[in-house]
Amino acid sequence: MPDDMAKMNEGDILVSTATTPSIVPAIRKASAIITDEGGLTCHAAIVSREFEIPCVIGTKIATKVLKDGDLAEVNAEKGLVKIINKRKA
């Protein structure tokens, strides 16, 4: 995970299986968080509320579907993630 944190730029969307306190430096750069796991009281949900950034948790497939360089839109109020543009491999 430290290698992945180094790839985070200001305004990127953080996509992760889950979040932990060790990745807070990456979360601080994120414009949104999307996780595979979690619920209303999970780390990602609490931290995103504290930092006032959108968060969609419990997707089950975010890390399988979204890859580095993909452009996505996050609507936390509706729990939706829309892929706008897939990065070409």
N, C-alpha and C. Protein backbone atom coordinates (compact mmCIF):
# COMPACT_ATOMS: atom_id res chain seq x y z
N MET A 1 0.80 -1.21 0.00
CA MET A 1 0.00 0.00 0.00
C MET A 1 0.84 1.27 0.00
N PRO A 2 2.04 1.31 0.62
CA PRO A 2 2.84 2.54 0.55
C PRO A 2 3.16 2.96 -0.88
N ASP A 3 3.40 2.00 -1.77
CA ASP A 3 3.65 2.34 -3.18
C ASP A 3 2.43 3.00 -3.79
N ASP A 4 1.25 2.50 -3.48
CA ASP A 4 0.02 3.08 -4.01
C ASP A 4 -0.21 4.48 -3.45
N MET A 5 0.13 4.70 -2.19
CA MET A 5 -0.05 6.03 -1.59
C MET A 5 0.82 7.06 -2.30
N ALA A 6 1.99 6.67 -2.73
CA ALA A 6 2.90 7.60 -3.42
C ALA A 6 2.32 8.04 -4.76
N LYS A 7 1.43 7.23 -5.33
CA LYS A 7 0.81 7.57 -6.62
C LYS A 7 -0.32 8.59 -6.49
N MET A 8 -0.82 8.80 -5.27
CA MET A 8 -1.95 9.71 -5.06
C MET A 8 -1.54 11.16 -5.30
N ASN A 9 -2.32 11.85 -6.11
CA ASN A 9 -2.14 13.28 -6.34
C ASN A 9 -3.33 14.02 -5.75
N GLU A 10 -3.13 15.28 -5.45
CA GLU A 10 -4.20 16.12 -4.93
C GLU A 10 -5.41 16.05 -5.88
N GLY A 11 -6.58 15.72 -5.34
CA GLY A 11 -7.80 15.68 -6.14
C GLY A 11 -8.14 14.31 -6.74
N ASP A 12 -7.24 13.33 -6.60
CA ASP A 12 -7.53 11.98 -7.09
C ASP A 12 -8.64 11.35 -6.24
N ILE A 13 -9.30 10.36 -6.81
CA ILE A 13 -10.26 9.56 -6.05
C ILE A 13 -9.52 8.35 -5.49
N LEU A 14 -9.63 8.14 -4.19
CA LEU A 14 -8.99 6.99 -3.55
C LEU A 14 -9.90 5.79 -3.68
N VAL A 15 -9.41 4.74 -4.34
CA VAL A 15 -10.16 3.49 -4.48
C VAL A 15 -9.38 2.42 -3.74
N SER A 16 -10.05 1.76 -2.77
CA SER A 16 -9.34 0.81 -1.92
C SER A 16 -10.30 -0.28 -1.46
N THR A 17 -9.74 -1.41 -1.06
CA THR A 17 -10.56 -2.46 -0.47
C THR A 17 -11.24 -1.91 0.78
N ALA A 18 -10.45 -1.24 1.61
CA ALA A 18 -10.93 -0.57 2.83
C ALA A 18 -9.89 0.49 3.17
N THR A 19 -10.14 1.31 4.19
CA THR A 19 -9.15 2.28 4.61
C THR A 19 -8.73 1.98 6.04
N THR A 20 -7.53 2.45 6.37
CA THR A 20 -6.99 2.30 7.72
C THR A 20 -6.28 3.62 8.08
N PRO A 21 -6.00 3.82 9.35
CA PRO A 21 -5.30 5.05 9.73
C PRO A 21 -3.96 5.24 8.99
N SER A 22 -3.32 4.17 8.57
CA SER A 22 -2.02 4.28 7.92
C SER A 22 -2.09 4.97 6.55
N ILE A 23 -3.28 5.04 5.95
CA ILE A 23 -3.37 5.70 4.64
C ILE A 23 -4.02 7.09 4.71
N VAL A 24 -4.12 7.64 5.89
CA VAL A 24 -4.67 8.99 6.05
C VAL A 24 -3.92 10.03 5.20
N PRO A 25 -2.59 9.94 5.05
CA PRO A 25 -1.93 10.91 4.17
C PRO A 25 -2.48 10.90 2.74
N ALA A 26 -2.82 9.73 2.22
CA ALA A 26 -3.42 9.64 0.89
C ALA A 26 -4.86 10.16 0.91
N ILE A 27 -5.58 9.88 1.97
CA ILE A 27 -6.96 10.34 2.10
C ILE A 27 -7.01 11.87 2.11
N ARG A 28 -6.04 12.50 2.73
CA ARG A 28 -6.00 13.97 2.78
C ARG A 28 -5.92 14.59 1.38
N LYS A 29 -5.34 13.86 0.42
CA LYS A 29 -5.22 14.35 -0.95
C LYS A 29 -6.47 14.05 -1.78
N ALA A 30 -7.28 13.11 -1.32
CA ALA A 30 -8.40 12.59 -2.12
C ALA A 30 -9.56 13.58 -2.23
N SER A 31 -10.19 13.56 -3.41
CA SER A 31 -11.41 14.34 -3.60
C SER A 31 -12.63 13.49 -3.26
N ALA A 32 -12.43 12.15 -3.17
CA ALA A 32 -13.50 11.21 -2.81
C ALA A 32 -12.85 9.88 -2.46
N ILE A 33 -13.63 9.03 -1.77
CA ILE A 33 -13.18 7.69 -1.40
C ILE A 33 -14.22 6.69 -1.90
N ILE A 34 -13.73 5.60 -2.48
CA ILE A 34 -14.60 4.49 -2.88
C ILE A 34 -13.96 3.21 -2.33
N THR A 35 -14.75 2.40 -1.62
CA THR A 35 -14.20 1.16 -1.06
C THR A 35 -15.04 -0.05 -1.44
N ASP A 36 -14.39 -1.21 -1.42
CA ASP A 36 -15.08 -2.48 -1.65
C ASP A 36 -15.87 -2.88 -0.41
N GLU A 37 -15.30 -2.62 0.76
CA GLU A 37 -15.88 -3.07 2.02
C GLU A 37 -16.30 -1.88 2.87
N GLY A 38 -17.11 -2.16 3.90
CA GLY A 38 -17.43 -1.13 4.87
C GLY A 38 -18.91 -0.89 5.05
N GLY A 39 -19.19 -0.17 6.13
CA GLY A 39 -20.56 0.20 6.48
C GLY A 39 -20.56 1.61 7.06
N LEU A 40 -21.67 2.01 7.61
CA LEU A 40 -21.84 3.37 8.11
C LEU A 40 -20.82 3.78 9.17
N THR A 41 -20.30 2.82 9.92
CA THR A 41 -19.35 3.15 10.98
C THR A 41 -17.92 2.72 10.67
N CYS A 42 -17.63 2.40 9.42
CA CYS A 42 -16.28 1.97 9.05
C CYS A 42 -15.33 3.18 9.02
N HIS A 43 -14.05 2.91 8.98
CA HIS A 43 -13.04 3.95 8.98
C HIS A 43 -13.25 4.95 7.85
N ALA A 44 -13.47 4.46 6.62
CA ALA A 44 -13.65 5.35 5.46
C ALA A 44 -14.83 6.29 5.66
N ALA A 45 -15.93 5.78 6.18
CA ALA A 45 -17.12 6.61 6.39
C ALA A 45 -16.86 7.70 7.43
N ILE A 46 -16.19 7.34 8.51
CA ILE A 46 -15.92 8.31 9.57
C ILE A 46 -14.94 9.37 9.10
N VAL A 47 -13.85 8.94 8.47
CA VAL A 47 -12.82 9.88 8.02
C VAL A 47 -13.35 10.80 6.92
N SER A 48 -14.14 10.26 6.02
CA SER A 48 -14.67 11.10 4.94
C SER A 48 -15.62 12.17 5.49
N ARG A 49 -16.39 11.83 6.51
CA ARG A 49 -17.25 12.85 7.14
C ARG A 49 -16.39 13.92 7.80
N GLU A 50 -15.33 13.50 8.47
CA GLU A 50 -14.44 14.44 9.15
C GLU A 50 -13.76 15.39 8.15
N PHE A 51 -13.30 14.85 7.02
CA PHE A 51 -12.60 15.65 6.00
C PHE A 51 -13.57 16.28 5.00
N GLU A 52 -14.85 15.99 5.16
CA GLU A 52 -15.90 16.53 4.28
C GLU A 52 -15.64 16.23 2.80
N ILE A 53 -15.37 14.94 2.54
CA ILE A 53 -15.21 14.49 1.16
C ILE A 53 -16.21 13.37 0.89
N PRO A 54 -16.71 13.26 -0.34
CA PRO A 54 -17.67 12.21 -0.67
C PRO A 54 -17.07 10.82 -0.48
N CYS A 55 -17.91 9.87 -0.12
CA CYS A 55 -17.45 8.50 0.11
C CYS A 55 -18.57 7.53 -0.27
N VAL A 56 -18.22 6.53 -1.07
CA VAL A 56 -19.14 5.44 -1.38
C VAL A 56 -18.44 4.17 -0.91
N ILE A 57 -19.07 3.47 0.04
CA ILE A 57 -18.47 2.30 0.65
C ILE A 57 -19.27 1.05 0.34
N GLY A 58 -18.61 -0.10 0.50
CA GLY A 58 -19.30 -1.38 0.35
C GLY A 58 -19.69 -1.72 -1.08
N THR A 59 -18.91 -1.26 -2.06
CA THR A 59 -19.26 -1.54 -3.46
C THR A 59 -19.03 -2.99 -3.85
N LYS A 60 -18.14 -3.67 -3.16
CA LYS A 60 -17.74 -5.05 -3.41
C LYS A 60 -16.84 -5.21 -4.64
N ILE A 61 -16.88 -4.26 -5.60
CA ILE A 61 -16.14 -4.45 -6.85
C ILE A 61 -15.30 -3.25 -7.29
N ALA A 62 -15.24 -2.20 -6.52
CA ALA A 62 -14.56 -0.97 -6.96
C ALA A 62 -13.13 -1.23 -7.40
N THR A 63 -12.37 -1.99 -6.61
CA THR A 63 -10.97 -2.22 -6.95
C THR A 63 -10.80 -3.12 -8.17
N LYS A 64 -11.83 -3.86 -8.51
CA LYS A 64 -11.77 -4.71 -9.71
C LYS A 64 -12.14 -3.92 -10.96
N VAL A 65 -13.04 -2.96 -10.82
CA VAL A 65 -13.57 -2.21 -11.97
C VAL A 65 -12.76 -0.95 -12.27
N LEU A 66 -12.39 -0.21 -11.23
CA LEU A 66 -11.68 1.05 -11.42
C LEU A 66 -10.17 0.84 -11.35
N LYS A 67 -9.45 1.43 -12.28
CA LYS A 67 -7.99 1.32 -12.34
C LYS A 67 -7.37 2.70 -12.37
N ASP A 68 -6.07 2.78 -12.08
CA ASP A 68 -5.34 4.05 -12.12
C ASP A 68 -5.59 4.74 -13.45
N GLY A 69 -5.91 6.02 -13.38
CA GLY A 69 -6.11 6.81 -14.59
C GLY A 69 -7.54 6.87 -15.09
N ASP A 70 -8.44 6.03 -14.56
CA ASP A 70 -9.85 6.10 -14.94
C ASP A 70 -10.44 7.41 -14.41
N LEU A 71 -11.38 7.95 -15.15
CA LEU A 71 -12.08 9.16 -14.71
C LEU A 71 -13.46 8.74 -14.24
N ALA A 72 -13.80 9.12 -13.01
CA ALA A 72 -15.08 8.71 -12.44
C ALA A 72 -15.73 9.87 -11.71
N GLU A 73 -17.02 9.75 -11.54
CA GLU A 73 -17.81 10.74 -10.80
C GLU A 73 -18.42 10.03 -9.60
N VAL A 74 -18.33 10.64 -8.43
CA VAL A 74 -18.84 10.04 -7.20
C VAL A 74 -20.02 10.87 -6.68
N ASN A 75 -21.17 10.22 -6.52
CA ASN A 75 -22.34 10.86 -5.93
C ASN A 75 -22.63 10.14 -4.61
N ALA A 76 -22.06 10.68 -3.54
CA ALA A 76 -22.18 10.02 -2.24
C ALA A 76 -23.60 10.05 -1.70
N GLU A 77 -24.37 11.08 -2.05
CA GLU A 77 -25.75 11.16 -1.55
C GLU A 77 -26.60 10.01 -2.07
N LYS A 78 -26.33 9.57 -3.29
CA LYS A 78 -27.08 8.46 -3.89
C LYS A 78 -26.31 7.15 -3.85
N GLY A 79 -25.05 7.19 -3.41
CA GLY A 79 -24.24 5.98 -3.36
C GLY A 79 -23.86 5.48 -4.74
N LEU A 80 -23.65 6.40 -5.67
CA LEU A 80 -23.37 6.02 -7.06
C LEU A 80 -21.96 6.42 -7.49
N VAL A 81 -21.35 5.55 -8.28
CA VAL A 81 -20.07 5.84 -8.92
C VAL A 81 -20.28 5.65 -10.41
N LYS A 82 -20.00 6.68 -11.18
CA LYS A 82 -20.18 6.63 -12.62
C LYS A 82 -18.80 6.72 -13.28
N ILE A 83 -18.48 5.73 -14.09
CA ILE A 83 -17.22 5.75 -14.83
C ILE A 83 -17.44 6.63 -16.06
N ILE A 84 -16.66 7.70 -16.15
CA ILE A 84 -16.78 8.64 -17.25
C ILE A 84 -15.88 8.27 -18.41
N ASN A 85 -14.66 7.81 -18.07
CA ASN A 85 -13.71 7.48 -19.12
C ASN A 85 -12.73 6.44 -18.57
N LYS A 86 -12.65 5.28 -19.23
CA LYS A 86 -11.69 4.24 -18.84
C LYS A 86 -10.35 4.57 -19.49
N ARG A 87 -9.28 4.45 -18.69
CA ARG A 87 -7.94 4.65 -19.22
C ARG A 87 -7.62 3.51 -20.16
N LYS A 88 -7.03 3.82 -21.28
CA LYS A 88 -6.66 2.77 -22.24
C LYS A 88 -5.40 2.11 -21.76
N ALA A 89 -5.40 0.79 -21.80
CA ALA A 89 -4.24 0.01 -21.31
C ALA A 89 -3.07 0.07 -22.26
